[in-house]
Amino acid sequence: MFENFEIFRMAQGLAQYASNRQSVVARNIANADTPGYRQQDLASFSETYDSNFDQMPLRATRAGHFAEPPSATLPKSSVVENAETDANGNSVSLETEIMKTAVIRQQHEMALSIYKNGLSVLRASLGRT
């Protein structure tokens, strides 16, 4: 039932994005000393969400309100361009990766908060508290 509400799908998408990005950051940290390893990251959630909005269609009140949706692409990790490299060719900065984990945690907590508040609104609309 809850998967039919767009806000819940967006919250689920944000939580899944945070999980995927955390995996990429963990891989970067694990390879911080690997010679020649290049730092990787995912595209931002807004870019991912925008490119997949045909899975979560927007509602238009009139035909022609929205342009054709772009083709759906799943987020894939890609090498971060213009990253400084160490003497061994590694471009992972542990400080940067730790900062990313803080942002990822905030994104995950935001997704949970949206989901919990959405459930509270649903309960209130049904007369339950």
C-alpha atoms as a PDB file:
ATOM      1  CA  MET A   1       0.000   0.000   0.000  1.00  0.00           C
ATOM      2  CA  PHE A   2       2.692   2.502   0.990  1.00  0.00           C
ATOM      3  CA  GLU A   3       4.682   2.017  -2.216  1.00  0.00           C
ATOM      4  CA  ASN A   4       1.881   3.832  -4.083  1.00  0.00           C
ATOM      5  CA  PHE A   5       2.688   7.131  -2.357  1.00  0.00           C
ATOM      6  CA  GLU A   6       5.356   9.082  -4.192  1.00  0.00           C
ATOM      7  CA  ILE A   7       6.831  10.555  -1.020  1.00  0.00           C
ATOM      8  CA  PHE A   8       7.493   7.054   0.311  1.00  0.00           C
ATOM      9  CA  ARG A   9       9.088   6.009  -2.966  1.00  0.00           C
ATOM     10  CA  MET A  10      11.327   9.079  -2.867  1.00  0.00           C
ATOM     11  CA  ALA A  11      12.308   8.376   0.743  1.00  0.00           C
ATOM     12  CA  GLN A  12      13.048   4.764  -0.152  1.00  0.00           C
ATOM     13  CA  GLY A  13      15.103   5.925  -3.132  1.00  0.00           C
ATOM     14  CA  LEU A  14      17.105   8.305  -0.953  1.00  0.00           C
ATOM     15  CA  ALA A  15      17.789   5.566   1.597  1.00  0.00           C
ATOM     16  CA  GLN A  16      18.879   3.175  -1.168  1.00  0.00           C
ATOM     17  CA  TYR A  17      21.068   5.878  -2.701  1.00  0.00           C
ATOM     18  CA  ALA A  18      22.711   6.519   0.679  1.00  0.00           C
ATOM     19  CA  SER A  19      23.360   2.792   1.061  1.00  0.00           C
ATOM     20  CA  ASN A  20      24.894   2.510  -2.405  1.00  0.00           C
ATOM     21  CA  ARG A  21      27.047   5.578  -1.900  1.00  0.00           C
ATOM     22  CA  GLN A  22      28.230   4.307   1.481  1.00  0.00           C
ATOM     23  CA  SER A  23      29.387   1.113  -0.256  1.00  0.00           C
ATOM     24  CA  VAL A  24      31.387   3.143  -2.782  1.00  0.00           C
ATOM     25  CA  VAL A  25      32.963   5.259  -0.021  1.00  0.00           C
ATOM     26  CA  ALA A  26      33.826   2.116   1.976  1.00  0.00           C
ATOM     27  CA  ARG A  27      35.499   0.669  -1.125  1.00  0.00           C
ATOM     28  CA  ASN A  28      37.476   3.904  -1.517  1.00  0.00           C
ATOM     29  CA  ILE A  29      38.633   3.759   2.115  1.00  0.00           C
ATOM     30  CA  ALA A  30      39.552   0.082   1.806  1.00  0.00           C
ATOM     31  CA  ASN A  31      41.722   0.904  -1.223  1.00  0.00           C
ATOM     32  CA  ALA A  32      43.290   4.056   0.219  1.00  0.00           C
ATOM     33  CA  ASP A  33      46.783   2.524   0.025  1.00  0.00           C
ATOM     34  CA  THR A  34      46.340   0.562  -3.211  1.00  0.00           C
ATOM     35  CA  PRO A  35      48.764   1.873  -5.840  1.00  0.00           C
ATOM     36  CA  GLY A  36      46.976   3.312  -8.862  1.00  0.00           C
ATOM     37  CA  TYR A  37      43.480   3.128  -7.326  1.00  0.00           C
ATOM     38  CA  ARG A  38      41.262   6.010  -8.433  1.00  0.00           C
ATOM     39  CA  GLN A  39      38.669   7.530  -6.095  1.00  0.00           C
ATOM     40  CA  GLN A  40      35.068   6.750  -7.109  1.00  0.00           C
ATOM     41  CA  ASP A  41      31.713   8.305  -6.273  1.00  0.00           C
ATOM     42  CA  LEU A  42      28.080   8.295  -7.386  1.00  0.00           C
ATOM     43  CA  ALA A  43      26.243  11.085  -9.148  1.00  0.00           C
ATOM     44  CA  SER A  44      24.207  13.212  -6.750  1.00  0.00           C
ATOM     45  CA  PHE A  45      20.791  11.967  -5.644  1.00  0.00           C
ATOM     46  CA  SER A  46      19.053  14.830  -7.436  1.00  0.00           C
ATOM     47  CA  GLU A  47      20.688  13.842 -10.733  1.00  0.00           C
ATOM     48  CA  THR A  48      19.788  10.200 -10.133  1.00  0.00           C
ATOM     49  CA  TYR A  49      16.230  11.073  -9.134  1.00  0.00           C
ATOM     50  CA  ASP A  50      15.797  13.377 -12.128  1.00  0.00           C
ATOM     51  CA  SER A  51      17.076  10.730 -14.520  1.00  0.00           C
ATOM     52  CA  ASN A  52      14.715   8.104 -13.093  1.00  0.00           C
ATOM     53  CA  PHE A  53      11.570  10.156 -12.656  1.00  0.00           C
ATOM     54  CA  ASP A  54       9.756   8.036 -15.212  1.00  0.00           C
ATOM     55  CA  GLN A  55       9.731   5.370 -12.485  1.00  0.00           C
ATOM     56  CA  MET A  56       8.136   7.940 -10.167  1.00  0.00           C
ATOM     57  CA  PRO A  57       6.026   9.921 -12.620  1.00  0.00           C
ATOM     58  CA  LEU A  58       4.938  13.448 -11.838  1.00  0.00           C
ATOM     59  CA  ARG A  59       1.279  14.271 -12.213  1.00  0.00           C
ATOM     60  CA  ALA A  60       0.328  16.946 -14.709  1.00  0.00           C
ATOM     61  CA  THR A  61      -2.981  18.769 -14.718  1.00  0.00           C
ATOM     62  CA  ARG A  62      -2.707  19.375 -18.463  1.00  0.00           C
ATOM     63  CA  ALA A  63      -1.044  17.570 -21.291  1.00  0.00           C
ATOM     64  CA  GLY A  64       2.272  19.139 -22.209  1.00  0.00           C
ATOM     65  CA  HIS A  65       3.179  20.356 -18.722  1.00  0.00           C
ATOM     66  CA  PHE A  66       6.232  18.143 -18.656  1.00  0.00           C
ATOM     67  CA  ALA A  67       8.772  17.470 -21.349  1.00  0.00           C
ATOM     68  CA  GLU A  68       9.605  13.924 -22.320  1.00  0.00           C
ATOM     69  CA  PRO A  69      11.388  12.168 -19.457  1.00  0.00           C
ATOM     70  CA  PRO A  70      15.049  11.371 -19.992  1.00  0.00           C
ATOM     71  CA  SER A  71      16.036   7.745 -20.315  1.00  0.00           C
ATOM     72  CA  ALA A  72      16.345   5.979 -16.986  1.00  0.00           C
ATOM     73  CA  THR A  73      19.834   5.208 -15.823  1.00  0.00           C
ATOM     74  CA  LEU A  74      20.836   3.481 -12.644  1.00  0.00           C
ATOM     75  CA  PRO A  75      23.505   5.188 -10.578  1.00  0.00           C
ATOM     76  CA  LYS A  76      26.931   3.764 -11.279  1.00  0.00           C
ATOM     77  CA  SER A  77      30.101   4.701  -9.528  1.00  0.00           C
ATOM     78  CA  SER A  78      32.537   6.600 -11.655  1.00  0.00           C
ATOM     79  CA  VAL A  79      36.093   7.770 -11.208  1.00  0.00           C
ATOM     80  CA  VAL A  80      36.321  11.258  -9.740  1.00  0.00           C
ATOM     81  CA  GLU A  81      38.015  13.478 -12.294  1.00  0.00           C
ATOM     82  CA  ASN A  82      40.660  16.048 -11.365  1.00  0.00           C
ATOM     83  CA  ALA A  83      41.430  14.348  -8.032  1.00  0.00           C
ATOM     84  CA  GLU A  84      44.971  14.790  -6.796  1.00  0.00           C
ATOM     85  CA  THR A  85      47.044  11.625  -6.738  1.00  0.00           C
ATOM     86  CA  ASP A  86      49.746  10.458  -4.361  1.00  0.00           C
ATOM     87  CA  ALA A  87      53.177   9.381  -5.460  1.00  0.00           C
ATOM     88  CA  ASN A  88      51.820   5.853  -5.980  1.00  0.00           C
ATOM     89  CA  GLY A  89      48.978   7.103  -8.242  1.00  0.00           C
ATOM     90  CA  ASN A  90      46.227   6.716  -5.623  1.00  0.00           C
ATOM     91  CA  SER A  91      43.645   9.522  -5.557  1.00  0.00           C
ATOM     92  CA  VAL A  92      41.762   8.599  -2.353  1.00  0.00           C
ATOM     93  CA  SER A  93      41.780  11.237   0.384  1.00  0.00           C
ATOM     94  CA  LEU A  94      40.686   9.784   3.719  1.00  0.00           C
ATOM     95  CA  GLU A  95      39.580  13.224   4.932  1.00  0.00           C
ATOM     96  CA  THR A  96      37.286  13.633   1.933  1.00  0.00           C
ATOM     97  CA  GLU A  97      35.849  10.154   2.368  1.00  0.00           C
ATOM     98  CA  ILE A  98      35.129  10.774   6.054  1.00  0.00           C
ATOM     99  CA  MET A  99      33.312  14.000   5.149  1.00  0.00           C
ATOM    100  CA  LYS A 100      31.260  12.045   2.603  1.00  0.00           C
ATOM    101  CA  THR A 101      30.215   9.562   5.294  1.00  0.00           C
ATOM    102  CA  ALA A 102      28.783  12.447   7.347  1.00  0.00           C
ATOM    103  CA  VAL A 103      26.741  13.642   4.349  1.00  0.00           C
ATOM    104  CA  ILE A 104      25.584  10.092   3.637  1.00  0.00           C
ATOM    105  CA  ARG A 105      24.454   9.681   7.242  1.00  0.00           C
ATOM    106  CA  GLN A 106      22.430  12.901   6.976  1.00  0.00           C
ATOM    107  CA  GLN A 107      20.804  11.673   3.761  1.00  0.00           C
ATOM    108  CA  HIS A 108      19.872   8.362   5.365  1.00  0.00           C
ATOM    109  CA  GLU A 109      18.468  10.071   8.465  1.00  0.00           C
ATOM    110  CA  MET A 110      16.485  12.435   6.231  1.00  0.00           C
ATOM    111  CA  ALA A 111      14.970   9.491   4.370  1.00  0.00           C
ATOM    112  CA  LEU A 112      13.966   7.848   7.657  1.00  0.00           C
ATOM    113  CA  SER A 113      12.518  11.102   8.950  1.00  0.00           C
ATOM    114  CA  ILE A 114      10.452  11.616   5.800  1.00  0.00           C
ATOM    115  CA  TYR A 115       9.150   8.063   6.061  1.00  0.00           C
ATOM    116  CA  LYS A 116       8.277   8.372   9.778  1.00  0.00           C
ATOM    117  CA  ASN A 117       6.552  11.739   9.319  1.00  0.00           C
ATOM    118  CA  GLY A 118       4.633  10.396   6.329  1.00  0.00           C
ATOM    119  CA  LEU A 119       3.398   7.509   8.455  1.00  0.00           C
ATOM    120  CA  SER A 120       2.339   9.969  11.172  1.00  0.00           C
ATOM    121  CA  VAL A 121       0.325  11.952   8.626  1.00  0.00           C
ATOM    122  CA  LEU A 122      -1.318   8.758   7.391  1.00  0.00           C
ATOM    123  CA  ARG A 123      -2.194   7.674  10.932  1.00  0.00           C
ATOM    124  CA  ALA A 124      -3.654  11.110  11.701  1.00  0.00           C
ATOM    125  CA  SER A 125      -5.723  11.062   8.521  1.00  0.00           C
ATOM    126  CA  LEU A 126      -7.123   7.666   9.532  1.00  0.00           C
ATOM    127  CA  GLY A 127      -7.974   8.957  12.993  1.00  0.00           C
ATOM    128  CA  ARG A 128      -5.295   6.898  14.712  1.00  0.00           C
ATOM    129  CA  THR A 129      -2.553   8.286  16.886  1.00  0.00           C
END
